[in-house]
Amino acid sequence: MSGTTTTAISSAEPYVKAPLLYKGKVRELYDLGEHYLIAVTDRISAFDWVLSPAVSDKGNVLNSLSRFWFEQTVGIQPNHLVHADVDRLGELVTDREIMKDRFMVTKKAQRIDIECVVRGYITGGGWRQYQKTGEVNGHKLPAGMRKNERFPQPIFTPAAKNDVGHDEDITIERMTELVGAELTQQLQEISIRLYEFAREFCEARGIILADTKFEFGLIDGEIILIDEIFTPDSSRFWDKSKYELDIEIDGMDKEPVRTYLSGTDWDKNSEPDPLPPHVVEETSRRYRDIYNRLVQG
């Protein structure tokens, strides 16, 4: 994805001839009968608002990265990917060129309503928790830790999923109450194993995987990795050359959007004005850059 950008799409509905089951901030879920079709649009969100205009190549990058990582990690944990071959869709799509890199056909799994977060560094929401309580999701941490410091071992910090509003940070004990001790233990072990694999992969390419989140489902009682994996929307990537303690590190994601919005007088309670072209272009470049560095080395 090092070439020119593609036309941004804000919805896949004009291009998919199947029932739409769910429309999220970025992804759309279509019913194919035995399977789902997940289409990834170029919509971008920040501060709980879907913004305009869409960011070209964003959906292609998110979907292609997830496909790449699902293939890399299938030996660690089975996932829901069936195929991503646009030619197998036949007349289900009306424009193969637009859809070819932004969809996956997946197995139907019963979603486990827990977001499985693994943190390798103390930053973001984890840092804010630590400043207030000395803990992160119930993990008691040593005094005197510094922002962006690496944990000796990654920690598992789950969240209860909410389809409306923010997910709720919970302790492992609370997760046990919600889904049971055995499933909690399994998900914790799988999540940390996946994170450690990807962290090593990223480090070899000059990238720090600070934290990430996973979603899982069940098919006939078996755990299946679902949704997306190790993308700029589900993970915090840092360029190794920019890593420092005690600063706000510029992430390899939609940081230009967040920085721009934070510098305006937008009240975050009303629909924001369209993003300026230079912010959209820089954000698109960052998504393509993380893809190229991870996949093409």
C-alpha atoms as a PDB file:
ATOM      1  CA  MET A   1       0.000   0.000   0.000  1.00  0.00           C
ATOM      2  CA  SER A   2       2.834   2.336  -0.754  1.00  0.00           C
ATOM      3  CA  GLY A   3       1.208   3.714  -3.897  1.00  0.00           C
ATOM      4  CA  THR A   4      -1.503   6.265  -4.476  1.00  0.00           C
ATOM      5  CA  THR A   5      -4.561   6.406  -2.269  1.00  0.00           C
ATOM      6  CA  THR A   6      -7.915   4.970  -3.246  1.00  0.00           C
ATOM      7  CA  THR A   7     -11.323   6.615  -3.209  1.00  0.00           C
ATOM      8  CA  ALA A   8     -12.644   6.758   0.371  1.00  0.00           C
ATOM      9  CA  ILE A   9     -15.961   5.065   1.066  1.00  0.00           C
ATOM     10  CA  SER A  10     -18.168   5.881   4.041  1.00  0.00           C
ATOM     11  CA  SER A  11     -20.383   2.805   3.586  1.00  0.00           C
ATOM     12  CA  ALA A  12     -20.157  -0.563   1.856  1.00  0.00           C
ATOM     13  CA  GLU A  13     -23.932  -0.814   1.480  1.00  0.00           C
ATOM     14  CA  PRO A  14     -23.982   0.280  -2.190  1.00  0.00           C
ATOM     15  CA  TYR A  15     -21.516  -2.501  -3.024  1.00  0.00           C
ATOM     16  CA  VAL A  16     -22.821  -5.496  -1.020  1.00  0.00           C
ATOM     17  CA  LYS A  17     -26.021  -7.334  -1.959  1.00  0.00           C
ATOM     18  CA  ALA A  18     -26.764  -9.033   1.360  1.00  0.00           C
ATOM     19  CA  PRO A  19     -28.806  -8.171   4.471  1.00  0.00           C
ATOM     20  CA  LEU A  20     -27.072  -5.624   6.729  1.00  0.00           C
ATOM     21  CA  LEU A  21     -27.180  -6.879  10.324  1.00  0.00           C
ATOM     22  CA  TYR A  22     -25.080  -4.277  12.131  1.00  0.00           C
ATOM     23  CA  LYS A  23     -23.429  -0.958  11.344  1.00  0.00           C
ATOM     24  CA  GLY A  24     -20.682   0.087  13.727  1.00  0.00           C
ATOM     25  CA  LYS A  25     -18.493   3.164  13.692  1.00  0.00           C
ATOM     26  CA  VAL A  26     -16.207   1.594  11.088  1.00  0.00           C
ATOM     27  CA  ARG A  27     -17.360  -1.975  10.338  1.00  0.00           C
ATOM     28  CA  GLU A  28     -20.529  -3.306   8.757  1.00  0.00           C
ATOM     29  CA  LEU A  29     -21.789  -6.858   9.267  1.00  0.00           C
ATOM     30  CA  TYR A  30     -23.742  -8.615   6.512  1.00  0.00           C
ATOM     31  CA  ASP A  31     -25.555 -11.949   6.701  1.00  0.00           C
ATOM     32  CA  LEU A  32     -24.544 -14.536   4.081  1.00  0.00           C
ATOM     33  CA  GLY A  33     -26.500 -17.368   5.681  1.00  0.00           C
ATOM     34  CA  GLU A  34     -23.842 -19.807   6.873  1.00  0.00           C
ATOM     35  CA  HIS A  35     -21.285 -17.030   7.291  1.00  0.00           C
ATOM     36  CA  TYR A  36     -20.933 -13.306   7.886  1.00  0.00           C
ATOM     37  CA  LEU A  37     -19.355 -10.767   5.569  1.00  0.00           C
ATOM     38  CA  ILE A  38     -17.513  -8.055   7.476  1.00  0.00           C
ATOM     39  CA  ALA A  39     -16.842  -4.918   5.438  1.00  0.00           C
ATOM     40  CA  VAL A  40     -14.447  -2.265   6.733  1.00  0.00           C
ATOM     41  CA  THR A  41     -15.254   1.281   5.649  1.00  0.00           C
ATOM     42  CA  ASP A  42     -13.024   4.349   5.649  1.00  0.00           C
ATOM     43  CA  ARG A  43     -15.069   6.054   8.364  1.00  0.00           C
ATOM     44  CA  ILE A  44     -13.031   7.460  11.220  1.00  0.00           C
ATOM     45  CA  SER A  45     -14.153   8.171  14.763  1.00  0.00           C
ATOM     46  CA  ALA A  46     -12.751  10.112  17.685  1.00  0.00           C
ATOM     47  CA  PHE A  47     -14.197  11.118  21.039  1.00  0.00           C
ATOM     48  CA  ASP A  48     -17.245   8.913  20.304  1.00  0.00           C
ATOM     49  CA  TRP A  49     -18.132  10.777  17.092  1.00  0.00           C
ATOM     50  CA  VAL A  50     -17.938   9.500  13.537  1.00  0.00           C
ATOM     51  CA  LEU A  51     -16.172  12.246  11.619  1.00  0.00           C
ATOM     52  CA  SER A  52     -16.200  13.464   8.061  1.00  0.00           C
ATOM     53  CA  PRO A  53     -14.779  13.087   5.546  1.00  0.00           C
ATOM     54  CA  ALA A  54     -13.778   9.409   5.438  1.00  0.00           C
ATOM     55  CA  VAL A  55     -10.038   8.635   5.291  1.00  0.00           C
ATOM     56  CA  SER A  56      -8.940   6.931   2.089  1.00  0.00           C
ATOM     57  CA  ASP A  57      -7.194   3.545   2.466  1.00  0.00           C
ATOM     58  CA  LYS A  58      -8.090   3.290   6.162  1.00  0.00           C
ATOM     59  CA  GLY A  59     -10.539   0.418   5.647  1.00  0.00           C
ATOM     60  CA  ASN A  60      -8.172  -1.381   3.285  1.00  0.00           C
ATOM     61  CA  VAL A  61      -5.371  -1.143   5.844  1.00  0.00           C
ATOM     62  CA  LEU A  62      -7.468  -2.288   8.809  1.00  0.00           C
ATOM     63  CA  ASN A  63      -8.905  -5.241   6.940  1.00  0.00           C
ATOM     64  CA  SER A  64      -5.661  -6.285   5.246  1.00  0.00           C
ATOM     65  CA  LEU A  65      -3.732  -6.067   8.516  1.00  0.00           C
ATOM     66  CA  SER A  66      -6.288  -8.210  10.317  1.00  0.00           C
ATOM     67  CA  ARG A  67      -6.138 -10.794   7.522  1.00  0.00           C
ATOM     68  CA  PHE A  68      -2.338 -10.781   7.729  1.00  0.00           C
ATOM     69  CA  TRP A  69      -2.319 -11.253  11.509  1.00  0.00           C
ATOM     70  CA  PHE A  70      -5.034 -13.922  11.452  1.00  0.00           C
ATOM     71  CA  GLU A  71      -2.831 -15.911   9.073  1.00  0.00           C
ATOM     72  CA  GLN A  72       0.259 -15.304  11.220  1.00  0.00           C
ATOM     73  CA  THR A  73      -1.400 -16.358  14.477  1.00  0.00           C
ATOM     74  CA  VAL A  74      -3.723 -19.208  13.464  1.00  0.00           C
ATOM     75  CA  GLY A  75      -1.226 -21.666  14.945  1.00  0.00           C
ATOM     76  CA  ILE A  76      -1.521 -19.883  18.297  1.00  0.00           C
ATOM     77  CA  GLN A  77      -5.291 -19.422  18.285  1.00  0.00           C
ATOM     78  CA  PRO A  78      -7.970 -20.392  15.717  1.00  0.00           C
ATOM     79  CA  ASN A  79      -9.884 -17.432  14.283  1.00  0.00           C
ATOM     80  CA  HIS A  80     -13.071 -16.735  12.380  1.00  0.00           C
ATOM     81  CA  LEU A  81     -11.574 -16.033   8.934  1.00  0.00           C
ATOM     82  CA  VAL A  82     -13.039 -18.205   6.169  1.00  0.00           C
ATOM     83  CA  HIS A  83     -11.674 -16.368   3.136  1.00  0.00           C
ATOM     84  CA  ALA A  84     -11.033 -12.916   1.656  1.00  0.00           C
ATOM     85  CA  ASP A  85     -11.248 -13.781  -2.033  1.00  0.00           C
ATOM     86  CA  VAL A  86     -13.485 -11.284  -3.806  1.00  0.00           C
ATOM     87  CA  ASP A  87     -13.894 -13.618  -6.786  1.00  0.00           C
ATOM     88  CA  ARG A  88     -15.680 -16.128  -4.549  1.00  0.00           C
ATOM     89  CA  LEU A  89     -18.382 -13.564  -3.749  1.00  0.00           C
ATOM     90  CA  GLY A  90     -19.805 -13.585  -7.273  1.00  0.00           C
ATOM     91  CA  GLU A  91     -22.795 -11.274  -7.593  1.00  0.00           C
ATOM     92  CA  LEU A  92     -22.811 -10.484  -3.854  1.00  0.00           C
ATOM     93  CA  VAL A  93     -20.635  -7.439  -4.634  1.00  0.00           C
ATOM     94  CA  THR A  94     -21.271  -4.833  -7.305  1.00  0.00           C
ATOM     95  CA  ASP A  95     -17.748  -3.388  -7.444  1.00  0.00           C
ATOM     96  CA  ARG A  96     -14.921  -5.860  -6.900  1.00  0.00           C
ATOM     97  CA  GLU A  97     -12.165  -3.254  -7.138  1.00  0.00           C
ATOM     98  CA  ILE A  98     -13.604  -1.240  -4.256  1.00  0.00           C
ATOM     99  CA  MET A  99     -14.354  -4.294  -2.099  1.00  0.00           C
ATOM    100  CA  LYS A 100     -11.358  -6.537  -2.780  1.00  0.00           C
ATOM    101  CA  ASP A 101      -9.226  -5.420   0.185  1.00  0.00           C
ATOM    102  CA  ARG A 102     -11.893  -4.333   2.649  1.00  0.00           C
ATOM    103  CA  PHE A 103     -13.860  -7.465   3.481  1.00  0.00           C
ATOM    104  CA  MET A 104     -13.607 -10.863   5.138  1.00  0.00           C
ATOM    105  CA  VAL A 105     -16.042 -13.762   5.087  1.00  0.00           C
ATOM    106  CA  THR A 106     -16.094 -15.182   8.592  1.00  0.00           C
ATOM    107  CA  LYS A 107     -17.565 -17.954  10.681  1.00  0.00           C
ATOM    108  CA  LYS A 108     -20.535 -17.116  12.882  1.00  0.00           C
ATOM    109  CA  ALA A 109     -19.502 -17.172  16.513  1.00  0.00           C
ATOM    110  CA  GLN A 110     -21.291 -16.315  19.727  1.00  0.00           C
ATOM    111  CA  ARG A 111     -19.447 -13.243  20.961  1.00  0.00           C
ATOM    112  CA  ILE A 112     -18.010 -13.295  24.474  1.00  0.00           C
ATOM    113  CA  ASP A 113     -18.894  -9.892  25.913  1.00  0.00           C
ATOM    114  CA  ILE A 114     -15.418  -9.184  27.264  1.00  0.00           C
ATOM    115  CA  GLU A 115     -12.770  -7.036  25.632  1.00  0.00           C
ATOM    116  CA  CYS A 116      -9.450  -8.732  26.356  1.00  0.00           C
ATOM    117  CA  VAL A 117      -6.832  -6.005  26.785  1.00  0.00           C
ATOM    118  CA  VAL A 118      -3.120  -6.716  27.208  1.00  0.00           C
ATOM    119  CA  ARG A 119      -0.771  -3.948  28.281  1.00  0.00           C
ATOM    120  CA  GLY A 120       2.988  -4.145  27.856  1.00  0.00           C
ATOM    121  CA  TYR A 121       3.604  -0.534  28.907  1.00  0.00           C
ATOM    122  CA  ILE A 122       1.910   1.774  31.384  1.00  0.00           C
ATOM    123  CA  THR A 123       0.323   4.493  29.297  1.00  0.00           C
ATOM    124  CA  GLY A 124      -3.060   5.844  28.232  1.00  0.00           C
ATOM    125  CA  GLY A 125      -5.980   4.814  30.413  1.00  0.00           C
ATOM    126  CA  GLY A 126      -3.771   2.474  32.416  1.00  0.00           C
ATOM    127  CA  TRP A 127      -1.479   5.338  33.359  1.00  0.00           C
ATOM    128  CA  ARG A 128      -4.451   7.459  34.420  1.00  0.00           C
ATOM    129  CA  GLN A 129      -5.732   4.646  36.654  1.00  0.00           C
ATOM    130  CA  TYR A 130      -2.303   4.183  38.184  1.00  0.00           C
ATOM    131  CA  GLN A 131      -1.934   7.876  38.986  1.00  0.00           C
ATOM    132  CA  LYS A 132      -5.190   7.810  40.940  1.00  0.00           C
ATOM    133  CA  THR A 133      -5.041   4.409  42.654  1.00  0.00           C
ATOM    134  CA  GLY A 134      -1.638   2.786  42.166  1.00  0.00           C
ATOM    135  CA  GLU A 135      -3.478   0.015  40.321  1.00  0.00           C
ATOM    136  CA  VAL A 136      -4.638  -0.904  36.815  1.00  0.00           C
ATOM    137  CA  ASN A 137      -7.852  -2.941  36.700  1.00  0.00           C
ATOM    138  CA  GLY A 138      -7.100  -4.343  40.137  1.00  0.00           C
ATOM    139  CA  HIS A 139      -3.419  -5.082  39.453  1.00  0.00           C
ATOM    140  CA  LYS A 140      -1.459  -3.538  42.331  1.00  0.00           C
ATOM    141  CA  LEU A 141       1.653  -1.973  40.786  1.00  0.00           C
ATOM    142  CA  PRO A 142       4.928  -0.801  42.345  1.00  0.00           C
ATOM    143  CA  ALA A 143       5.157   2.801  43.485  1.00  0.00           C
ATOM    144  CA  GLY A 144       7.176   5.218  41.393  1.00  0.00           C
ATOM    145  CA  MET A 145       6.446   3.854  37.937  1.00  0.00           C
ATOM    146  CA  ARG A 146       6.903   6.347  35.124  1.00  0.00           C
ATOM    147  CA  LYS A 147       4.618   7.035  32.197  1.00  0.00           C
ATOM    148  CA  ASN A 148       5.381   4.720  29.237  1.00  0.00           C
ATOM    149  CA  GLU A 149       7.516   2.395  31.375  1.00  0.00           C
ATOM    150  CA  ARG A 150       7.582  -1.222  30.216  1.00  0.00           C
ATOM    151  CA  PHE A 151       6.096  -3.823  32.548  1.00  0.00           C
ATOM    152  CA  PRO A 152       8.401  -6.721  33.490  1.00  0.00           C
ATOM    153  CA  GLN A 153       5.591  -8.974  32.210  1.00  0.00           C
ATOM    154  CA  PRO A 154       2.499  -7.969  30.186  1.00  0.00           C
ATOM    155  CA  ILE A 155      -0.668  -7.560  32.248  1.00  0.00           C
ATOM    156  CA  PHE A 156      -4.213  -8.585  31.349  1.00  0.00           C
ATOM    157  CA  THR A 157      -6.771  -5.834  31.948  1.00  0.00           C
ATOM    158  CA  PRO A 158     -10.226  -6.830  30.686  1.00  0.00           C
ATOM    159  CA  ALA A 159     -13.234  -4.651  29.979  1.00  0.00           C
ATOM    160  CA  ALA A 160     -16.921  -5.514  29.888  1.00  0.00           C
ATOM    161  CA  LYS A 161     -18.283  -4.721  26.443  1.00  0.00           C
ATOM    162  CA  ASN A 162     -21.087  -2.193  26.052  1.00  0.00           C
ATOM    163  CA  ASP A 163     -22.744  -1.812  22.649  1.00  0.00           C
ATOM    164  CA  VAL A 164     -23.734   1.717  23.679  1.00  0.00           C
ATOM    165  CA  GLY A 165     -21.162   4.013  25.288  1.00  0.00           C
ATOM    166  CA  HIS A 166     -17.718   3.080  26.583  1.00  0.00           C
ATOM    167  CA  ASP A 167     -16.616  -0.382  27.589  1.00  0.00           C
ATOM    168  CA  GLU A 168     -16.169  -0.734  31.357  1.00  0.00           C
ATOM    169  CA  ASP A 169     -12.760  -1.551  32.830  1.00  0.00           C
ATOM    170  CA  ILE A 170     -13.099  -4.510  35.193  1.00  0.00           C
ATOM    171  CA  THR A 171     -10.889  -6.674  37.376  1.00  0.00           C
ATOM    172  CA  ILE A 172     -10.073 -10.275  36.598  1.00  0.00           C
ATOM    173  CA  GLU A 173     -12.215 -11.192  39.611  1.00  0.00           C
ATOM    174  CA  ARG A 174     -15.193  -9.410  38.074  1.00  0.00           C
ATOM    175  CA  MET A 175     -14.551 -11.108  34.721  1.00  0.00           C
ATOM    176  CA  THR A 176     -14.617 -14.446  36.546  1.00  0.00           C
ATOM    177  CA  GLU A 177     -18.033 -13.591  37.944  1.00  0.00           C
ATOM    178  CA  LEU A 178     -19.278 -12.729  34.434  1.00  0.00           C
ATOM    179  CA  VAL A 179     -17.911 -15.624  32.349  1.00  0.00           C
ATOM    180  CA  GLY A 180     -16.519 -18.161  34.814  1.00  0.00           C
ATOM    181  CA  ALA A 181     -13.063 -19.042  36.102  1.00  0.00           C
ATOM    182  CA  GLU A 182     -12.101 -21.500  33.360  1.00  0.00           C
ATOM    183  CA  LEU A 183     -12.951 -19.194  30.448  1.00  0.00           C
ATOM    184  CA  THR A 184     -11.289 -16.251  32.213  1.00  0.00           C
ATOM    185  CA  GLN A 185      -8.065 -18.207  32.614  1.00  0.00           C
ATOM    186  CA  GLN A 186      -8.144 -19.423  29.017  1.00  0.00           C
ATOM    187  CA  LEU A 187      -8.742 -15.955  27.573  1.00  0.00           C
ATOM    188  CA  GLN A 188      -6.021 -14.426  29.713  1.00  0.00           C
ATOM    189  CA  GLU A 189      -3.467 -17.007  28.606  1.00  0.00           C
ATOM    190  CA  ILE A 190      -4.427 -16.790  24.921  1.00  0.00           C
ATOM    191  CA  SER A 191      -4.386 -12.970  24.945  1.00  0.00           C
ATOM    192  CA  ILE A 192      -0.945 -12.720  26.521  1.00  0.00           C
ATOM    193  CA  ARG A 193       0.440 -15.374  24.180  1.00  0.00           C
ATOM    194  CA  LEU A 194      -0.866 -13.484  21.144  1.00  0.00           C
ATOM    195  CA  TYR A 195       0.475 -10.175  22.446  1.00  0.00           C
ATOM    196  CA  GLU A 196       3.949 -11.586  23.099  1.00  0.00           C
ATOM    197  CA  PHE A 197       4.100 -13.041  19.590  1.00  0.00           C
ATOM    198  CA  ALA A 198       3.139  -9.728  17.983  1.00  0.00           C
ATOM    199  CA  ARG A 199       5.366  -7.644  20.258  1.00  0.00           C
ATOM    200  CA  GLU A 200       8.422  -9.595  19.146  1.00  0.00           C
ATOM    201  CA  PHE A 201       7.341  -9.361  15.504  1.00  0.00           C
ATOM    202  CA  CYS A 202       6.882  -5.595  15.771  1.00  0.00           C
ATOM    203  CA  GLU A 203      10.151  -5.000  17.611  1.00  0.00           C
ATOM    204  CA  ALA A 204      12.047  -6.624  14.744  1.00  0.00           C
ATOM    205  CA  ARG A 205      10.537  -3.910  12.522  1.00  0.00           C
ATOM    206  CA  GLY A 206      11.349  -0.944  14.761  1.00  0.00           C
ATOM    207  CA  ILE A 207       7.853  -0.730  16.246  1.00  0.00           C
ATOM    208  CA  ILE A 208       6.713  -0.991  19.866  1.00  0.00           C
ATOM    209  CA  LEU A 209       3.358  -2.671  20.518  1.00  0.00           C
ATOM    210  CA  ALA A 210       2.420  -0.848  23.717  1.00  0.00           C
ATOM    211  CA  ASP A 211      -0.984  -2.445  24.228  1.00  0.00           C
ATOM    212  CA  THR A 212      -3.739  -4.167  22.305  1.00  0.00           C
ATOM    213  CA  LYS A 213      -7.231  -5.602  22.631  1.00  0.00           C
ATOM    214  CA  PHE A 214      -8.898  -8.770  21.389  1.00  0.00           C
ATOM    215  CA  GLU A 215     -12.402 -10.094  21.036  1.00  0.00           C
ATOM    216  CA  PHE A 216     -13.320 -13.761  21.180  1.00  0.00           C
ATOM    217  CA  GLY A 217     -16.346 -15.881  20.449  1.00  0.00           C
ATOM    218  CA  LEU A 218     -17.491 -19.460  20.874  1.00  0.00           C
ATOM    219  CA  ILE A 219     -18.344 -21.995  18.189  1.00  0.00           C
ATOM    220  CA  ASP A 220     -19.572 -25.325  19.563  1.00  0.00           C
ATOM    221  CA  GLY A 221     -17.890 -24.478  22.854  1.00  0.00           C
ATOM    222  CA  GLU A 222     -14.502 -23.750  21.250  1.00  0.00           C
ATOM    223  CA  ILE A 223     -12.824 -20.347  21.625  1.00  0.00           C
ATOM    224  CA  ILE A 224     -12.411 -18.432  18.353  1.00  0.00           C
ATOM    225  CA  LEU A 225     -10.560 -15.134  17.822  1.00  0.00           C
ATOM    226  CA  ILE A 226     -12.919 -12.674  16.101  1.00  0.00           C
ATOM    227  CA  ASP A 227     -13.279  -9.035  14.999  1.00  0.00           C
ATOM    228  CA  GLU A 228      -9.895  -7.371  14.242  1.00  0.00           C
ATOM    229  CA  ILE A 229      -6.370  -7.991  15.488  1.00  0.00           C
ATOM    230  CA  PHE A 230      -3.235  -5.828  15.811  1.00  0.00           C
ATOM    231  CA  THR A 231      -4.529  -2.886  13.788  1.00  0.00           C
ATOM    232  CA  PRO A 232      -4.003   0.830  14.511  1.00  0.00           C
ATOM    233  CA  ASP A 233      -7.621   0.937  15.743  1.00  0.00           C
ATOM    234  CA  SER A 234      -7.204  -1.938  18.221  1.00  0.00           C
ATOM    235  CA  SER A 235      -3.581  -1.439  19.257  1.00  0.00           C
ATOM    236  CA  ARG A 236      -1.186   1.269  20.352  1.00  0.00           C
ATOM    237  CA  PHE A 237       1.881   1.298  18.095  1.00  0.00           C
ATOM    238  CA  TRP A 238       4.920   3.496  18.745  1.00  0.00           C
ATOM    239  CA  ASP A 239       7.888   4.125  16.519  1.00  0.00           C
ATOM    240  CA  LYS A 240      10.910   2.877  18.494  1.00  0.00           C
ATOM    241  CA  SER A 241      12.839   6.021  17.598  1.00  0.00           C
ATOM    242  CA  LYS A 242      10.208   8.171  19.353  1.00  0.00           C
ATOM    243  CA  TYR A 243      10.032   6.178  22.586  1.00  0.00           C
ATOM    244  CA  GLU A 244      10.661   8.157  25.776  1.00  0.00           C
ATOM    245  CA  LEU A 245       9.453   8.087  29.352  1.00  0.00           C
ATOM    246  CA  ASP A 246       7.234  10.795  30.817  1.00  0.00           C
ATOM    247  CA  ILE A 247       5.929  12.173  27.510  1.00  0.00           C
ATOM    248  CA  GLU A 248       2.862  11.763  25.305  1.00  0.00           C
ATOM    249  CA  ILE A 249       4.253   9.615  22.489  1.00  0.00           C
ATOM    250  CA  ASP A 250       2.902  10.356  19.031  1.00  0.00           C
ATOM    251  CA  GLY A 251       1.135   7.103  18.086  1.00  0.00           C
ATOM    252  CA  MET A 252       1.208   5.462  14.672  1.00  0.00           C
ATOM    253  CA  ASP A 253      -2.544   5.778  14.175  1.00  0.00           C
ATOM    254  CA  LYS A 254      -5.210   8.502  13.993  1.00  0.00           C
ATOM    255  CA  GLU A 255      -3.274  10.784  16.333  1.00  0.00           C
ATOM    256  CA  PRO A 256      -3.379  13.679  13.817  1.00  0.00           C
ATOM    257  CA  VAL A 257      -7.173  13.664  14.114  1.00  0.00           C
ATOM    258  CA  ARG A 258      -7.181  13.656  17.920  1.00  0.00           C
ATOM    259  CA  THR A 259      -4.484  16.354  18.038  1.00  0.00           C
ATOM    260  CA  TYR A 260      -6.372  18.573  15.601  1.00  0.00           C
ATOM    261  CA  LEU A 261      -9.711  18.226  17.390  1.00  0.00           C
ATOM    262  CA  SER A 262      -8.127  18.862  20.796  1.00  0.00           C
ATOM    263  CA  GLY A 263      -6.674  22.097  19.441  1.00  0.00           C
ATOM    264  CA  THR A 264     -10.033  23.464  18.315  1.00  0.00           C
ATOM    265  CA  ASP A 265     -12.894  24.935  20.322  1.00  0.00           C
ATOM    266  CA  TRP A 266     -15.143  21.944  19.558  1.00  0.00           C
ATOM    267  CA  ASP A 267     -17.222  21.100  22.661  1.00  0.00           C
ATOM    268  CA  LYS A 268     -17.316  17.305  21.941  1.00  0.00           C
ATOM    269  CA  ASN A 269     -21.081  17.392  22.516  1.00  0.00           C
ATOM    270  CA  SER A 270     -22.187  18.501  19.052  1.00  0.00           C
ATOM    271  CA  GLU A 271     -21.310  17.303  15.580  1.00  0.00           C
ATOM    272  CA  PRO A 272     -17.834  18.566  14.667  1.00  0.00           C
ATOM    273  CA  ASP A 273     -16.977  20.410  11.493  1.00  0.00           C
ATOM    274  CA  PRO A 274     -15.368  18.413   8.661  1.00  0.00           C
ATOM    275  CA  LEU A 275     -11.688  17.628   9.098  1.00  0.00           C
ATOM    276  CA  PRO A 276      -9.330  19.766   7.002  1.00  0.00           C
ATOM    277  CA  PRO A 277      -7.649  18.043   4.037  1.00  0.00           C
ATOM    278  CA  HIS A 278      -4.149  18.072   5.528  1.00  0.00           C
ATOM    279  CA  VAL A 279      -5.336  16.185   8.618  1.00  0.00           C
ATOM    280  CA  VAL A 280      -7.128  13.587   6.505  1.00  0.00           C
ATOM    281  CA  GLU A 281      -4.100  13.146   4.241  1.00  0.00           C
ATOM    282  CA  GLU A 282      -1.664  12.756   7.140  1.00  0.00           C
ATOM    283  CA  THR A 283      -3.935  10.223   8.832  1.00  0.00           C
ATOM    284  CA  SER A 284      -4.227   8.207   5.614  1.00  0.00           C
ATOM    285  CA  ARG A 285      -0.448   8.261   5.254  1.00  0.00           C
ATOM    286  CA  ARG A 286       0.008   6.920   8.768  1.00  0.00           C
ATOM    287  CA  TYR A 287      -2.329   4.003   8.190  1.00  0.00           C
ATOM    288  CA  ARG A 288      -0.494   3.070   4.996  1.00  0.00           C
ATOM    289  CA  ASP A 289       2.862   3.458   6.727  1.00  0.00           C
ATOM    290  CA  ILE A 290       2.088   1.063   9.586  1.00  0.00           C
ATOM    291  CA  TYR A 291       0.819  -1.482   7.063  1.00  0.00           C
ATOM    292  CA  ASN A 292       3.933  -1.216   4.925  1.00  0.00           C
ATOM    293  CA  ARG A 293       6.280  -1.479   7.881  1.00  0.00           C
ATOM    294  CA  LEU A 294       4.536  -4.494   9.384  1.00  0.00           C
ATOM    295  CA  VAL A 295       3.649  -6.482   6.281  1.00  0.00           C
ATOM    296  CA  GLN A 296       6.370  -5.518   3.854  1.00  0.00           C
ATOM    297  CA  GLY A 297       9.112  -5.158   6.442  1.00  0.00           C
END
